[in-house]
């Protein structure tokens, strides 16, 4: 599944970003077995600008890493 499609599926309200609830739901659907604290830590790492949401660019940067 493409990353863009995955992001859009998790973006329940269609606002172009993921809040903590949407990210939690998505990670739980992947059945990785993360604790609530681990999910919060991952969310904080992806949320580069600290606005409480993960936009698509932050999502890609978190998945792919920094571009060189």
Foldseek 3Di string as FASTA:
>chain_A
DDPVVLQCVLPVVPPQKAALVSQVVSVVVVVPDDDPVVSVVLQVQLCVVPPRIHGPVSVCCSVVNDDD
